[in-house]
């Protein structure tokens, strides 16, 4: 969830910090290319964070299902007591 908040914060503030359109002279040309590189960098970071969030979501759901099955098969496991079955 925090990734999305950060992503939208960056998107809302892009227009305040970056030059839009094509550069007209040398000084704005370097600023324009730096801004484009920074935008690309931010988007790549956001994609990486999104993929990590999806990966963790899937893995944590698997762990949750495994824990649910363990508690279902051995209800006292969650209380710290283990019943040995023969």
PDB file of N, CA and C in Angstrom:
ATOM      1  N   UNK A   1       0.823  -1.190   0.000  1.00  0.00           N
ATOM      2  CA  UNK A   1       0.000   0.000   0.000  1.00  0.00           C
ATOM      3  C   UNK A   1       0.871   1.259   0.000  1.00  0.00           C
ATOM      4  N   UNK A   2       1.962   1.223   0.751  1.00  0.00           N
ATOM      5  CA  UNK A   2       2.845   2.381   0.812  1.00  0.00           C
ATOM      6  C   UNK A   2       3.484   2.667  -0.538  1.00  0.00           C
ATOM      7  N   UNK A   3       3.697   1.619  -1.328  1.00  0.00           N
ATOM      8  CA  UNK A   3       4.278   1.800  -2.655  1.00  0.00           C
ATOM      9  C   UNK A   3       3.360   2.647  -3.523  1.00  0.00           C
ATOM     10  N   UNK A   4       2.061   2.375  -3.443  1.00  0.00           N
ATOM     11  CA  UNK A   4       1.118   3.134  -4.252  1.00  0.00           C
ATOM     12  C   UNK A   4       1.034   4.588  -3.798  1.00  0.00           C
ATOM     13  N   UNK A   5       1.106   4.809  -2.495  1.00  0.00           N
ATOM     14  CA  UNK A   5       1.086   6.185  -1.990  1.00  0.00           C
ATOM     15  C   UNK A   5       2.295   6.955  -2.499  1.00  0.00           C
ATOM     16  N   UNK A   6       3.463   6.314  -2.450  1.00  0.00           N
ATOM     17  CA  UNK A   6       4.684   6.949  -2.933  1.00  0.00           C
ATOM     18  C   UNK A   6       4.596   7.207  -4.432  1.00  0.00           C
ATOM     19  N   UNK A   7       4.062   6.239  -5.171  1.00  0.00           N
ATOM     20  CA  UNK A   7       3.929   6.380  -6.615  1.00  0.00           C
ATOM     21  C   UNK A   7       3.037   7.565  -6.972  1.00  0.00           C
ATOM     22  N   UNK A   8       1.889   7.673  -6.326  1.00  0.00           N
ATOM     23  CA  UNK A   8       0.978   8.772  -6.633  1.00  0.00           C
ATOM     24  C   UNK A   8       1.535  10.115  -6.168  1.00  0.00           C
ATOM     25  N   UNK A   9       2.267  10.113  -5.063  1.00  0.00           N
ATOM     26  CA  UNK A   9       2.917  11.340  -4.610  1.00  0.00           C
ATOM     27  C   UNK A   9       3.911  11.828  -5.655  1.00  0.00           C
ATOM     28  N   UNK A  10       4.705  10.899  -6.196  1.00  0.00           N
ATOM     29  CA  UNK A  10       5.674  11.282  -7.222  1.00  0.00           C
ATOM     30  C   UNK A  10       4.977  11.773  -8.488  1.00  0.00           C
ATOM     31  N   UNK A  11       3.898  11.089  -8.877  1.00  0.00           N
ATOM     32  CA  UNK A  11       3.181  11.514 -10.078  1.00  0.00           C
ATOM     33  C   UNK A  11       2.584  12.908  -9.915  1.00  0.00           C
ATOM     34  N   UNK A  12       2.051  13.200  -8.747  1.00  0.00           N
ATOM     35  CA  UNK A  12       1.445  14.511  -8.525  1.00  0.00           C
ATOM     36  C   UNK A  12       2.483  15.618  -8.487  1.00  0.00           C
ATOM     37  N   UNK A  13       3.695  15.299  -8.075  1.00  0.00           N
ATOM     38  CA  UNK A  13       4.731  16.315  -7.959  1.00  0.00           C
ATOM     39  C   UNK A  13       5.636  16.401  -9.175  1.00  0.00           C
ATOM     40  N   UNK A  14       5.433  15.538 -10.167  1.00  0.00           N
ATOM     41  CA  UNK A  14       6.288  15.573 -11.356  1.00  0.00           C
ATOM     42  C   UNK A  14       6.158  16.890 -12.108  1.00  0.00           C
ATOM     43  N   UNK A  15       4.940  17.382 -12.246  1.00  0.00           N
ATOM     44  CA  UNK A  15       4.744  18.606 -13.020  1.00  0.00           C
ATOM     45  C   UNK A  15       5.342  19.828 -12.329  1.00  0.00           C
ATOM     46  N   UNK A  16       5.530  19.777 -11.041  1.00  0.00           N
ATOM     47  CA  UNK A  16       6.127  20.911 -10.329  1.00  0.00           C
ATOM     48  C   UNK A  16       7.639  20.960 -10.500  1.00  0.00           C
ATOM     49  N   UNK A  17       8.255  19.796 -10.685  1.00  0.00           N
ATOM     50  CA  UNK A  17       9.707  19.727 -10.680  1.00  0.00           C
ATOM     51  C   UNK A  17      10.332  19.544 -12.053  1.00  0.00           C
ATOM     52  N   UNK A  18       9.569  19.109 -13.034  1.00  0.00           N
ATOM     53  CA  UNK A  18      10.148  18.776 -14.329  1.00  0.00           C
ATOM     54  C   UNK A  18       9.672  19.725 -15.415  1.00  0.00           C
ATOM     55  N   UNK A  19      10.515  19.897 -16.417  1.00  0.00           N
ATOM     56  CA  UNK A  19      10.198  20.761 -17.552  1.00  0.00           C
ATOM     57  C   UNK A  19       9.445  19.924 -18.568  1.00  0.00           C
ATOM     58  N   UNK A  20       8.316  20.433 -19.045  1.00  0.00           N
ATOM     59  CA  UNK A  20       7.565  19.710 -20.060  1.00  0.00           C
ATOM     60  C   UNK A  20       7.873  20.289 -21.431  1.00  0.00           C
ATOM     61  N   UNK A  21       7.749  19.453 -22.441  1.00  0.00           N
ATOM     62  CA  UNK A  21       8.023  19.899 -23.801  1.00  0.00           C
ATOM     63  C   UNK A  21       9.480  19.728 -24.171  1.00  0.00           C
ATOM     64  N   UNK A  22       9.857  20.218 -25.331  1.00  0.00           N
ATOM     65  CA  UNK A  22      11.229  20.062 -25.809  1.00  0.00           C
ATOM     66  C   UNK A  22      12.070  21.264 -25.396  1.00  0.00           C
ATOM     67  N   UNK A  23      13.380  21.052 -25.228  1.00  0.00           N
ATOM     68  CA  UNK A  23      14.250  22.153 -24.806  1.00  0.00           C
ATOM     69  C   UNK A  23      14.461  23.169 -25.919  1.00  0.00           C
ATOM     70  N   UNK A  24      14.641  24.434 -25.540  1.00  0.00           N
ATOM     71  CA  UNK A  24      14.835  25.479 -26.542  1.00  0.00           C
ATOM     72  C   UNK A  24      16.278  25.958 -26.598  1.00  0.00           C
ATOM     73  N   UNK A  25      17.044  25.819 -25.500  1.00  0.00           N
ATOM     74  CA  UNK A  25      18.443  26.213 -25.527  1.00  0.00           C
ATOM     75  C   UNK A  25      19.298  25.197 -24.774  1.00  0.00           C
ATOM     76  N   UNK A  26      20.609  25.462 -24.673  1.00  0.00           N
ATOM     77  CA  UNK A  26      21.542  24.507 -24.094  1.00  0.00           C
ATOM     78  C   UNK A  26      21.322  24.222 -22.625  1.00  0.00           C
ATOM     79  N   UNK A  27      21.061  25.235 -21.824  1.00  0.00           N
ATOM     80  CA  UNK A  27      20.910  25.012 -20.383  1.00  0.00           C
ATOM     81  C   UNK A  27      19.652  24.210 -20.074  1.00  0.00           C
ATOM     82  N   UNK A  28      18.561  24.500 -20.770  1.00  0.00           N
ATOM     83  CA  UNK A  28      17.346  23.734 -20.510  1.00  0.00           C
ATOM     84  C   UNK A  28      17.438  22.343 -21.123  1.00  0.00           C
ATOM     85  N   UNK A  29      18.308  22.160 -22.129  1.00  0.00           N
ATOM     86  CA  UNK A  29      18.487  20.840 -22.728  1.00  0.00           C
ATOM     87  C   UNK A  29      19.064  19.858 -21.721  1.00  0.00           C
ATOM     88  N   UNK A  30      20.083  20.276 -20.977  1.00  0.00           N
ATOM     89  CA  UNK A  30      20.664  19.376 -19.977  1.00  0.00           C
ATOM     90  C   UNK A  30      19.672  19.135 -18.843  1.00  0.00           C
ATOM     91  N   UNK A  31      18.925  20.163 -18.481  1.00  0.00           N
ATOM     92  CA  UNK A  31      17.914  20.000 -17.436  1.00  0.00           C
ATOM     93  C   UNK A  31      16.819  19.057 -17.903  1.00  0.00           C
ATOM     94  N   UNK A  32      16.415  19.191 -19.163  1.00  0.00           N
ATOM     95  CA  UNK A  32      15.367  18.343 -19.719  1.00  0.00           C
ATOM     96  C   UNK A  32      15.806  16.889 -19.757  1.00  0.00           C
ATOM     97  N   UNK A  33      17.053  16.607 -20.193  1.00  0.00           N
ATOM     98  CA  UNK A  33      17.519  15.222 -20.252  1.00  0.00           C
ATOM     99  C   UNK A  33      17.697  14.643 -18.853  1.00  0.00           C
ATOM    100  N   UNK A  34      18.143  15.459 -17.905  1.00  0.00           N
ATOM    101  CA  UNK A  34      18.269  14.992 -16.521  1.00  0.00           C
ATOM    102  C   UNK A  34      16.903  14.648 -15.950  1.00  0.00           C
ATOM    103  N   UNK A  35      15.920  15.473 -16.249  1.00  0.00           N
ATOM    104  CA  UNK A  35      14.567  15.217 -15.760  1.00  0.00           C
ATOM    105  C   UNK A  35      13.991  13.950 -16.361  1.00  0.00           C
ATOM    106  N   UNK A  36      14.223  13.732 -17.654  1.00  0.00           N
ATOM    107  CA  UNK A  36      13.731  12.512 -18.288  1.00  0.00           C
ATOM    108  C   UNK A  36      14.392  11.283 -17.688  1.00  0.00           C
ATOM    109  N   UNK A  37      15.691  11.380 -17.398  1.00  0.00           N
ATOM    110  CA  UNK A  37      16.394  10.262 -16.789  1.00  0.00           C
ATOM    111  C   UNK A  37      15.847   9.998 -15.388  1.00  0.00           C
ATOM    112  N   UNK A  38      15.547  11.053 -14.656  1.00  0.00           N
ATOM    113  CA  UNK A  38      15.008  10.905 -13.308  1.00  0.00           C
ATOM    114  C   UNK A  38      13.610  10.293 -13.336  1.00  0.00           C
ATOM    115  N   UNK A  39      12.801  10.696 -14.281  1.00  0.00           N
ATOM    116  CA  UNK A  39      11.462  10.111 -14.425  1.00  0.00           C
ATOM    117  C   UNK A  39      11.578   8.629 -14.738  1.00  0.00           C
ATOM    118  N   UNK A  40      12.468   8.271 -15.660  1.00  0.00           N
ATOM    119  CA  UNK A  40      12.663   6.862 -16.005  1.00  0.00           C
ATOM    120  C   UNK A  40      13.131   6.069 -14.793  1.00  0.00           C
ATOM    121  N   UNK A  41      14.064   6.631 -14.051  1.00  0.00           N
ATOM    122  CA  UNK A  41      14.567   5.968 -12.849  1.00  0.00           C
ATOM    123  C   UNK A  41      13.439   5.740 -11.847  1.00  0.00           C
ATOM    124  N   UNK A  42      12.599   6.740 -11.625  1.00  0.00           N
ATOM    125  CA  UNK A  42      11.479   6.609 -10.686  1.00  0.00           C
ATOM    126  C   UNK A  42      10.491   5.541 -11.144  1.00  0.00           C
ATOM    127  N   UNK A  43      10.200   5.499 -12.422  1.00  0.00           N
ATOM    128  CA  UNK A  43       9.270   4.494 -12.931  1.00  0.00           C
ATOM    129  C   UNK A  43       9.836   3.087 -12.787  1.00  0.00           C
ATOM    130  N   UNK A  44      11.127   2.926 -13.040  1.00  0.00           N
ATOM    131  CA  UNK A  44      11.751   1.611 -12.883  1.00  0.00           C
ATOM    132  C   UNK A  44      11.708   1.178 -11.420  1.00  0.00           C
ATOM    133  N   UNK A  45      12.008   2.092 -10.520  1.00  0.00           N
ATOM    134  CA  UNK A  45      11.947   1.775  -9.087  1.00  0.00           C
ATOM    135  C   UNK A  45      10.526   1.392  -8.685  1.00  0.00           C
ATOM    136  N   UNK A  46       9.527   2.105  -9.196  1.00  0.00           N
ATOM    137  CA  UNK A  46       8.139   1.782  -8.872  1.00  0.00           C
ATOM    138  C   UNK A  46       7.758   0.391  -9.382  1.00  0.00           C
ATOM    139  N   UNK A  47       8.210   0.035 -10.576  1.00  0.00           N
ATOM    140  CA  UNK A  47       7.921  -1.299 -11.106  1.00  0.00           C
ATOM    141  C   UNK A  47       8.594  -2.383 -10.273  1.00  0.00           C
ATOM    142  N   UNK A  48       9.817  -2.136  -9.844  1.00  0.00           N
ATOM    143  CA  UNK A  48      10.513  -3.105  -8.992  1.00  0.00           C
ATOM    144  C   UNK A  48       9.774  -3.273  -7.667  1.00  0.00           C
ATOM    145  N   UNK A  49       9.370  -2.166  -7.061  1.00  0.00           N
ATOM    146  CA  UNK A  49       8.640  -2.241  -5.795  1.00  0.00           C
ATOM    147  C   UNK A  49       7.294  -2.940  -5.954  1.00  0.00           C
ATOM    148  N   UNK A  50       6.631  -2.698  -7.057  1.00  0.00           N
ATOM    149  CA  UNK A  50       5.359  -3.364  -7.313  1.00  0.00           C
ATOM    150  C   UNK A  50       5.550  -4.867  -7.453  1.00  0.00           C
ATOM    151  N   UNK A  51       6.582  -5.286  -8.192  1.00  0.00           N
ATOM    152  CA  UNK A  51       6.827  -6.720  -8.355  1.00  0.00           C
ATOM    153  C   UNK A  51       7.218  -7.369  -7.028  1.00  0.00           C
ATOM    154  N   UNK A  52       7.979  -6.672  -6.183  1.00  0.00           N
ATOM    155  CA  UNK A  52       8.319  -7.210  -4.858  1.00  0.00           C
ATOM    156  C   UNK A  52       7.060  -7.347  -4.007  1.00  0.00           C
ATOM    157  N   UNK A  53       6.173  -6.365  -4.069  1.00  0.00           N
ATOM    158  CA  UNK A  53       4.914  -6.447  -3.315  1.00  0.00           C
ATOM    159  C   UNK A  53       4.067  -7.628  -3.761  1.00  0.00           C
ATOM    160  N   UNK A  54       3.977  -7.854  -5.055  1.00  0.00           N
ATOM    161  CA  UNK A  54       3.199  -8.980  -5.574  1.00  0.00           C
ATOM    162  C   UNK A  54       3.823 -10.297  -5.125  1.00  0.00           C
ATOM    163  N   UNK A  55       5.154 -10.392  -5.216  1.00  0.00           N
ATOM    164  CA  UNK A  55       5.849 -11.603  -4.793  1.00  0.00           C
ATOM    165  C   UNK A  55       5.592 -11.890  -3.313  1.00  0.00           C
ATOM    166  N   UNK A  56       5.724 -10.872  -2.470  1.00  0.00           N
ATOM    167  CA  UNK A  56       5.495 -11.065  -1.039  1.00  0.00           C
ATOM    168  C   UNK A  56       4.041 -11.411  -0.737  1.00  0.00           C
ATOM    169  N   UNK A  57       3.122 -10.818  -1.469  1.00  0.00           N
ATOM    170  CA  UNK A  57       1.704 -11.128  -1.293  1.00  0.00           C
ATOM    171  C   UNK A  57       1.442 -12.602  -1.557  1.00  0.00           C
ATOM    172  N   UNK A  58       2.000 -13.126  -2.645  1.00  0.00           N
ATOM    173  CA  UNK A  58       1.811 -14.535  -2.999  1.00  0.00           C
ATOM    174  C   UNK A  58       2.445 -15.439  -1.951  1.00  0.00           C
ATOM    175  N   UNK A  59       3.678 -15.136  -1.554  1.00  0.00           N
ATOM    176  CA  UNK A  59       4.373 -15.977  -0.576  1.00  0.00           C
ATOM    177  C   UNK A  59       3.678 -15.957   0.784  1.00  0.00           C
ATOM    178  N   UNK A  60       3.238 -14.793   1.227  1.00  0.00           N
ATOM    179  CA  UNK A  60       2.570 -14.714   2.523  1.00  0.00           C
ATOM    180  C   UNK A  60       1.215 -15.417   2.504  1.00  0.00           C
ATOM    181  N   UNK A  61       0.534 -15.411   1.369  1.00  0.00           N
ATOM    182  CA  UNK A  61      -0.718 -16.162   1.265  1.00  0.00           C
ATOM    183  C   UNK A  61      -0.465 -17.655   1.362  1.00  0.00           C
ATOM    184  N   UNK A  62       0.636 -18.129   0.756  1.00  0.00           N
ATOM    185  CA  UNK A  62       0.984 -19.549   0.865  1.00  0.00           C
ATOM    186  C   UNK A  62       1.272 -19.923   2.313  1.00  0.00           C
ATOM    187  N   UNK A  63       2.021 -19.081   3.015  1.00  0.00           N
ATOM    188  CA  UNK A  63       2.327 -19.344   4.422  1.00  0.00           C
ATOM    189  C   UNK A  63       1.044 -19.342   5.253  1.00  0.00           C
ATOM    190  N   UNK A  64       0.134 -18.432   4.960  1.00  0.00           N
ATOM    191  CA  UNK A  64      -1.131 -18.356   5.683  1.00  0.00           C
ATOM    192  C   UNK A  64      -1.956 -19.620   5.475  1.00  0.00           C
ATOM    193  N   UNK A  65      -2.019 -20.095   4.227  1.00  0.00           N
ATOM    194  CA  UNK A  65      -2.762 -21.330   3.952  1.00  0.00           C
ATOM    195  C   UNK A  65      -2.120 -22.526   4.644  1.00  0.00           C
ATOM    196  N   UNK A  66      -0.779 -22.590   4.648  1.00  0.00           N
ATOM    197  CA  UNK A  66      -0.085 -23.684   5.334  1.00  0.00           C
ATOM    198  C   UNK A  66      -0.377 -23.655   6.832  1.00  0.00           C
ATOM    199  N   UNK A  67      -0.373 -22.472   7.420  1.00  0.00           N
ATOM    200  CA  UNK A  67      -0.665 -22.338   8.847  1.00  0.00           C
ATOM    201  C   UNK A  67      -2.104 -22.737   9.145  1.00  0.00           C
ATOM    202  N   UNK A  68      -3.030 -22.342   8.287  1.00  0.00           N
ATOM    203  CA  UNK A  68      -4.433 -22.726   8.479  1.00  0.00           C
ATOM    204  C   UNK A  68      -4.599 -24.237   8.434  1.00  0.00           C
ATOM    205  N   UNK A  69      -3.921 -24.895   7.482  1.00  0.00           N
ATOM    206  CA  UNK A  69      -4.005 -26.362   7.395  1.00  0.00           C
ATOM    207  C   UNK A  69      -3.382 -27.012   8.626  1.00  0.00           C
ATOM    208  N   UNK A  70      -2.274 -26.465   9.102  1.00  0.00           N
ATOM    209  CA  UNK A  70      -1.617 -27.016  10.283  1.00  0.00           C
ATOM    210  C   UNK A  70      -2.509 -26.894  11.513  1.00  0.00           C
ATOM    211  N   UNK A  71      -3.144 -25.755  11.681  1.00  0.00           N
ATOM    212  CA  UNK A  71      -4.054 -25.564  12.817  1.00  0.00           C
ATOM    213  C   UNK A  71      -5.278 -26.463  12.680  1.00  0.00           C
ATOM    214  N   UNK A  72      -5.755 -26.657  11.452  1.00  0.00           N
ATOM    215  CA  UNK A  72      -6.917 -27.516  11.227  1.00  0.00           C
ATOM    216  C   UNK A  72      -6.588 -28.964  11.568  1.00  0.00           C
ATOM    217  N   UNK A  73      -5.393 -29.421  11.185  1.00  0.00           N
ATOM    218  CA  UNK A  73      -5.002 -30.805  11.451  1.00  0.00           C
ATOM    219  C   UNK A  73      -4.562 -31.010  12.895  1.00  0.00           C
ATOM    220  N   UNK A  74      -4.037 -29.988  13.514  1.00  0.00           N
ATOM    221  CA  UNK A  74      -3.536 -30.092  14.880  1.00  0.00           C
ATOM    222  C   UNK A  74      -3.895 -28.799  15.620  1.00  0.00           C
ATOM    223  N   UNK A  75      -5.115 -28.700  16.157  1.00  0.00           N
ATOM    224  CA  UNK A  75      -5.604 -27.437  16.726  1.00  0.00           C
ATOM    225  C   UNK A  75      -4.765 -26.893  17.878  1.00  0.00           C
ATOM    226  N   UNK A  76      -4.111 -27.764  18.644  1.00  0.00           N
ATOM    227  CA  UNK A  76      -3.336 -27.288  19.786  1.00  0.00           C
ATOM    228  C   UNK A  76      -1.982 -26.735  19.374  1.00  0.00           C
ATOM    229  N   UNK A  77      -1.626 -26.847  18.100  1.00  0.00           N
ATOM    230  CA  UNK A  77      -0.327 -26.357  17.634  1.00  0.00           C
ATOM    231  C   UNK A  77      -0.189 -24.861  17.885  1.00  0.00           C
ATOM    232  N   UNK A  78      -1.270 -24.135  17.682  1.00  0.00           N
ATOM    233  CA  UNK A  78      -1.193 -22.683  17.847  1.00  0.00           C
ATOM    234  C   UNK A  78      -1.020 -22.269  19.305  1.00  0.00           C
ATOM    235  N   UNK A  79      -1.355 -23.164  20.235  1.00  0.00           N
ATOM    236  CA  UNK A  79      -1.186 -22.863  21.658  1.00  0.00           C
ATOM    237  C   UNK A  79       0.161 -23.337  22.192  1.00  0.00           C
ATOM    238  N   UNK A  80       0.962 -23.936  21.348  1.00  0.00           N
ATOM    239  CA  UNK A  80       2.274 -24.407  21.787  1.00  0.00           C
ATOM    240  C   UNK A  80       2.288 -25.859  22.212  1.00  0.00           C
ATOM    241  N   UNK A  81       1.164 -26.557  22.170  1.00  0.00           N
ATOM    242  CA  UNK A  81       1.088 -27.966  22.533  1.00  0.00           C
ATOM    243  C   UNK A  81       1.039 -28.801  21.266  1.00  0.00           C
ATOM    244  N   UNK A  82       1.840 -29.848  21.248  1.00  0.00           N
ATOM    245  CA  UNK A  82       1.879 -30.720  20.075  1.00  0.00           C
ATOM    246  C   UNK A  82       1.387 -32.104  20.491  1.00  0.00           C
ATOM    247  N   UNK A  83       0.409 -32.610  19.767  1.00  0.00           N
ATOM    248  CA  UNK A  83      -0.116 -33.947  20.023  1.00  0.00           C
ATOM    249  C   UNK A  83       0.535 -34.892  19.025  1.00  0.00           C
ATOM    250  N   UNK A  84       1.170 -35.951  19.545  1.00  0.00           N
ATOM    251  CA  UNK A  84       1.806 -36.936  18.665  1.00  0.00           C
ATOM    252  C   UNK A  84       0.760 -37.944  18.224  1.00  0.00           C
ATOM    253  N   UNK A  85       0.669 -38.132  16.925  1.00  0.00           N
ATOM    254  CA  UNK A  85      -0.278 -39.104  16.375  1.00  0.00           C
ATOM    255  C   UNK A  85       0.495 -40.320  15.902  1.00  0.00           C
ATOM    256  N   UNK A  86      -0.078 -41.494  16.137  1.00  0.00           N
ATOM    257  CA  UNK A  86       0.573 -42.744  15.694  1.00  0.00           C
ATOM    258  C   UNK A  86      -0.065 -43.285  14.451  1.00  0.00           C
TER     259      UNK A  86
END
